[in-house]
Amino acid sequence: MSRKGLLRGTGKSDPKSYGSRGKGDTTGSSGGRSKGDCTPEALIDSLQAANEELRATLTDIQIELQQEKGKVSRLEREKVQEVKQARDLEQKKHATVITELRGKLHEDKMKELQSMRESLVRQHEAELLRVIKIKDSEIHRLQSAISTLRDGIADKVKAALANEARDEARRAFDGERCKLLQELESLKGGKKQAEETLSNTLQADKQKAADLRTAHHAHQEEVVRIKRESEREIRRLVSMQM
């Protein structure tokens, strides 16, 4: 509402109308009053008009203050909504990325394990075939040796050959066991590295969430500071007008 509208709403005129009415009343009165007798009335009318003008100005300022407060509140709500939407979107993205990473990590690990298992099976089969061939050759050699030794030392020869076969089998078993242990350690190292990668990813997500909360808190403090400065400036303007 403008100042003239407020004056019309209260049924009062501006200072010019008061001055004109005062002069008209003075000239229209009985001729017993002098020009100096009208000065206090005109001054009172002028002061009243100025007072009404100040009240109208104060009303305008109060209306503007309420409008500014409404704008600030609306901006705060919009900013909070934007921050919330951004945070929710970021959290959804992080959750999706983590889920995809976990699924991909599991899939890759299963493929790697399957490939290692197949490789170990092939190596084991090849090693068994090699050992079988060696043993077959050794057996043929032993059979040939046994066939030529049918006298009293046959038992000793058999025992020696059996011990040799046991030693050979033990050495082959120990070698295979060492290979399997080494492959197991390699698998454990790969698993540990994958777990560390996942842990680093989760830690980075937590840090991003903390950064978002810090930015939101700083924004809230900045809004409060602007609001306080606006209110302080409005109070200063009001005090200057009064």
Protein backbone atom coordinates (compact mmCIF):
# COMPACT_ATOMS: atom_id res chain seq x y z
CA MET A 1 0.00 0.00 0.00
CA SER A 2 1.40 3.43 -0.98
CA ARG A 3 1.66 6.44 1.28
CA LYS A 4 -1.18 8.31 -0.47
CA GLY A 5 -3.37 5.22 -0.20
CA LEU A 6 -2.71 5.04 3.54
CA LEU A 7 -3.59 8.70 3.87
CA ARG A 8 -6.83 8.17 1.97
CA GLY A 9 -7.59 5.04 4.04
CA THR A 10 -7.26 6.96 7.30
CA GLY A 11 -9.36 9.82 5.96
CA LYS A 12 -6.52 12.33 6.23
CA SER A 13 -4.93 14.55 3.64
CA ASP A 14 -1.34 15.37 2.88
CA PRO A 15 0.47 18.44 4.25
CA LYS A 16 -0.45 20.60 1.23
CA SER A 17 -4.15 19.97 1.74
CA TYR A 18 -3.78 20.81 5.40
CA GLY A 19 -2.01 24.04 4.55
CA SER A 20 -4.57 25.01 1.96
CA ARG A 21 -7.46 24.26 4.30
CA GLY A 22 -5.86 26.27 7.07
CA LYS A 23 -5.46 29.28 4.84
CA GLY A 24 -8.98 28.96 3.50
CA ASP A 25 -10.40 28.79 7.00
CA THR A 26 -8.42 31.88 7.99
CA THR A 27 -9.55 33.94 5.04
CA GLY A 28 -13.14 32.74 5.43
CA SER A 29 -13.44 33.58 9.14
CA SER A 30 -14.73 36.81 10.56
CA GLY A 31 -12.41 39.71 9.88
CA GLY A 32 -11.38 40.00 13.56
CA ARG A 33 -8.29 37.64 13.14
CA SER A 34 -4.95 38.86 11.93
CA LYS A 35 -2.41 37.01 9.76
CA GLY A 36 -0.19 36.18 12.77
CA ASP A 37 -3.05 34.33 14.56
CA CYS A 38 -3.15 31.65 11.79
CA THR A 39 0.52 30.60 12.06
CA PRO A 40 0.18 28.13 15.02
CA GLU A 41 -2.70 26.29 13.34
CA ALA A 42 -0.77 25.97 10.10
CA LEU A 43 2.24 24.70 12.06
CA ILE A 44 0.11 22.14 13.87
CA ASP A 45 -1.42 21.00 10.59
CA SER A 46 2.03 20.72 9.05
CA LEU A 47 3.33 18.68 12.01
CA GLN A 48 0.31 16.40 11.88
CA ALA A 49 0.80 15.89 8.15
CA ALA A 50 4.49 15.15 8.67
CA ASN A 51 3.58 12.70 11.45
CA GLU A 52 1.11 10.94 9.17
CA GLU A 53 3.71 10.81 6.43
CA LEU A 54 6.23 9.24 8.82
CA ARG A 55 3.63 6.70 9.93
CA ALA A 56 2.87 5.86 6.32
CA THR A 57 6.59 5.50 5.61
CA LEU A 58 6.98 3.25 8.65
CA THR A 59 4.05 1.14 7.47
CA ASP A 60 5.64 0.82 4.02
CA ILE A 61 8.93 -0.21 5.60
CA GLN A 62 7.19 -2.77 7.80
CA ILE A 63 5.40 -4.19 4.77
CA GLU A 64 8.67 -4.36 2.86
CA LEU A 65 10.29 -6.02 5.89
CA GLN A 66 7.60 -8.70 5.97
CA GLN A 67 8.01 -9.22 2.23
CA GLU A 68 11.78 -9.56 2.61
CA LYS A 69 11.30 -12.00 5.47
CA GLY A 70 8.97 -14.02 3.28
CA LYS A 71 11.52 -14.00 0.45
CA VAL A 72 14.30 -15.08 2.81
CA SER A 73 12.12 -17.88 4.20
CA ARG A 74 11.21 -19.02 0.71
CA LEU A 75 14.87 -18.96 -0.36
CA GLU A 76 15.82 -20.93 2.75
CA ARG A 77 13.19 -23.56 2.02
CA GLU A 78 14.23 -23.76 -1.63
CA LYS A 79 17.92 -24.05 -0.71
CA VAL A 80 17.23 -26.73 1.90
CA GLN A 81 15.19 -28.65 -0.66
CA GLU A 82 17.94 -28.30 -3.25
CA VAL A 83 20.59 -29.49 -0.80
CA LYS A 84 18.39 -32.41 0.28
CA GLN A 85 17.73 -33.41 -3.33
CA ALA A 86 21.43 -33.15 -4.17
CA ARG A 87 22.36 -35.19 -1.11
CA ASP A 88 19.75 -37.85 -1.89
CA LEU A 89 20.88 -38.01 -5.50
CA GLU A 90 24.52 -38.29 -4.44
CA GLN A 91 23.69 -41.02 -1.93
CA LYS A 92 21.76 -42.95 -4.59
CA LYS A 93 24.68 -42.61 -6.97
CA HIS A 94 27.11 -43.83 -4.32
CA ALA A 95 24.85 -46.75 -3.42
CA THR A 96 24.54 -47.69 -7.10
CA VAL A 97 28.29 -47.44 -7.64
CA ILE A 98 29.01 -49.52 -4.52
CA THR A 99 26.48 -52.17 -5.57
CA GLU A 100 27.94 -52.31 -9.07
CA LEU A 101 31.48 -52.50 -7.71
CA ARG A 102 30.55 -55.30 -5.34
CA GLY A 103 28.79 -57.22 -8.08
CA LYS A 104 31.65 -56.71 -10.50
CA LEU A 105 34.22 -57.61 -7.85
CA HIS A 106 32.33 -60.78 -6.98
CA GLU A 107 31.89 -61.70 -10.63
CA ASP A 108 35.55 -61.04 -11.44
CA LYS A 109 36.67 -62.97 -8.38
CA MET A 110 34.46 -65.93 -9.29
CA LYS A 111 35.79 -65.89 -12.84
CA GLU A 112 39.34 -65.69 -11.55
CA LEU A 113 38.76 -68.54 -9.12
CA GLN A 114 37.14 -70.65 -11.82
CA SER A 115 40.03 -69.95 -14.17
CA MET A 116 42.55 -70.81 -11.46
CA ARG A 117 40.65 -73.98 -10.59
CA GLU A 118 40.59 -75.09 -14.20
CA SER A 119 44.27 -74.24 -14.58
CA LEU A 120 45.15 -76.18 -11.44
CA VAL A 121 43.11 -79.16 -12.62
CA ARG A 122 44.88 -79.12 -15.98
CA GLN A 123 48.27 -78.79 -14.32
CA HIS A 124 47.44 -81.55 -11.88
CA GLU A 125 46.25 -83.84 -14.67
CA ALA A 126 49.36 -83.10 -16.70
CA GLU A 127 51.54 -83.76 -13.67
CA LEU A 128 49.71 -87.00 -12.96
CA LEU A 129 50.18 -88.12 -16.55
CA ARG A 130 53.85 -87.29 -16.34
CA VAL A 131 54.22 -89.17 -13.06
CA ILE A 132 52.26 -92.12 -14.46
CA LYS A 133 54.53 -92.26 -17.47
CA ILE A 134 57.58 -92.10 -15.23
CA LYS A 135 56.16 -94.75 -12.98
CA ASP A 136 55.25 -96.94 -15.93
CA SER A 137 58.78 -96.62 -17.23
CA GLU A 138 60.13 -97.33 -13.76
CA ILE A 139 57.85 -100.32 -13.39
CA HIS A 140 58.96 -101.72 -16.72
CA ARG A 141 62.56 -101.20 -15.65
CA LEU A 142 61.90 -102.87 -12.32
CA GLN A 143 60.07 -105.72 -13.96
CA SER A 144 63.01 -106.23 -16.28
CA ALA A 145 65.38 -106.14 -13.34
CA ILE A 146 63.25 -108.53 -11.35
CA SER A 147 63.00 -110.95 -14.24
CA THR A 148 66.79 -111.15 -14.38
CA LEU A 149 67.15 -111.58 -10.63
CA ARG A 150 65.42 -114.74 -9.54
CA ASP A 151 68.03 -115.92 -7.11
CA GLY A 152 68.38 -115.32 -3.40
CA ILE A 153 68.89 -111.57 -3.67
CA ALA A 154 65.47 -111.03 -5.24
CA ASP A 155 63.93 -109.95 -1.93
CA LYS A 156 66.68 -107.40 -1.31
CA VAL A 157 66.31 -106.00 -4.79
CA LYS A 158 62.54 -105.75 -4.38
CA ALA A 159 62.94 -103.94 -1.06
CA ALA A 160 65.45 -101.51 -2.52
CA LEU A 161 63.25 -100.85 -5.51
CA ALA A 162 60.19 -100.38 -3.28
CA ASN A 163 62.09 -97.89 -1.11
CA GLU A 164 63.20 -96.05 -4.19
CA ALA A 165 59.63 -95.95 -5.47
CA ARG A 166 58.37 -94.64 -2.13
CA ASP A 167 61.05 -91.96 -2.06
CA GLU A 168 60.19 -90.92 -5.58
CA ALA A 169 56.48 -90.79 -4.76
CA ARG A 170 57.19 -88.77 -1.60
CA ARG A 171 59.31 -86.27 -3.53
CA ALA A 172 56.59 -85.89 -6.16
CA PHE A 173 53.95 -85.41 -3.43
CA ASP A 174 56.08 -82.79 -1.64
CA GLY A 175 56.62 -80.87 -4.87
CA GLU A 176 52.90 -80.87 -5.67
CA ARG A 177 52.10 -79.80 -2.12
CA CYS A 178 54.51 -76.82 -2.32
CA LYS A 179 52.93 -75.71 -5.60
CA LEU A 180 49.44 -75.85 -4.14
CA LEU A 181 50.53 -73.88 -1.04
CA GLN A 182 52.08 -71.18 -3.22
CA GLU A 183 48.92 -70.88 -5.31
CA LEU A 184 46.84 -70.66 -2.12
CA GLU A 185 49.00 -67.79 -0.82
CA SER A 186 48.60 -66.01 -4.16
CA LEU A 187 44.81 -66.32 -3.91
CA LYS A 188 44.87 -64.95 -0.36
CA GLY A 189 46.90 -61.95 -1.52
CA GLY A 190 44.42 -61.21 -4.32
CA LYS A 191 41.50 -61.40 -1.89
CA LYS A 192 43.21 -59.03 0.55
CA GLN A 193 43.89 -56.52 -2.22
CA ALA A 194 40.25 -56.62 -3.34
CA GLU A 195 39.06 -56.04 0.24
CA GLU A 196 41.40 -53.06 0.58
CA THR A 197 40.06 -51.57 -2.66
CA LEU A 198 36.48 -51.93 -1.42
CA SER A 199 37.39 -50.38 1.94
CA ASN A 200 39.02 -47.39 0.23
CA THR A 201 35.92 -46.88 -1.92
CA LEU A 202 33.63 -46.94 1.12
CA GLN A 203 35.92 -44.49 2.95
CA ALA A 204 35.82 -42.09 -0.03
CA ASP A 205 31.99 -42.26 -0.03
CA LYS A 206 31.90 -41.43 3.69
CA GLN A 207 34.22 -38.46 3.11
CA LYS A 208 31.97 -37.13 0.32
CA ALA A 209 28.92 -37.41 2.59
CA ALA A 210 30.79 -35.51 5.34
CA ASP A 211 31.76 -32.79 2.83
CA LEU A 212 28.10 -32.41 1.82
CA ARG A 213 27.04 -32.05 5.45
CA THR A 214 29.76 -29.42 6.03
CA ALA A 215 28.68 -27.45 2.95
CA HIS A 216 25.05 -27.58 4.07
CA HIS A 217 25.98 -26.35 7.55
CA ALA A 218 28.05 -23.49 6.09
CA HIS A 219 25.16 -22.53 3.83
CA GLN A 220 22.76 -22.45 6.79
CA GLU A 221 25.14 -20.21 8.73
CA GLU A 222 25.48 -17.88 5.73
CA VAL A 223 21.67 -17.63 5.41
CA VAL A 224 21.34 -16.82 9.12
CA ARG A 225 24.07 -14.20 8.83
CA ILE A 226 22.41 -12.53 5.81
CA LYS A 227 19.06 -12.58 7.59
CA ARG A 228 20.54 -10.94 10.68
CA GLU A 229 22.30 -8.30 8.62
CA SER A 230 19.07 -7.57 6.73
CA GLU A 231 17.11 -7.18 9.95
CA ARG A 232 19.82 -5.00 11.46
CA GLU A 233 19.89 -2.79 8.33
CA ILE A 234 16.08 -2.50 8.35
CA ARG A 235 16.09 -1.51 12.02
CA ARG A 236 18.76 1.07 11.25
CA LEU A 237 16.69 2.52 8.40
CA VAL A 238 13.59 2.60 10.59
CA SER A 239 15.46 4.38 13.36
CA MET A 240 16.81 6.91 10.86
CA GLN A 241 13.30 7.60 9.54
CA MET A 242 11.96 8.12 13.06
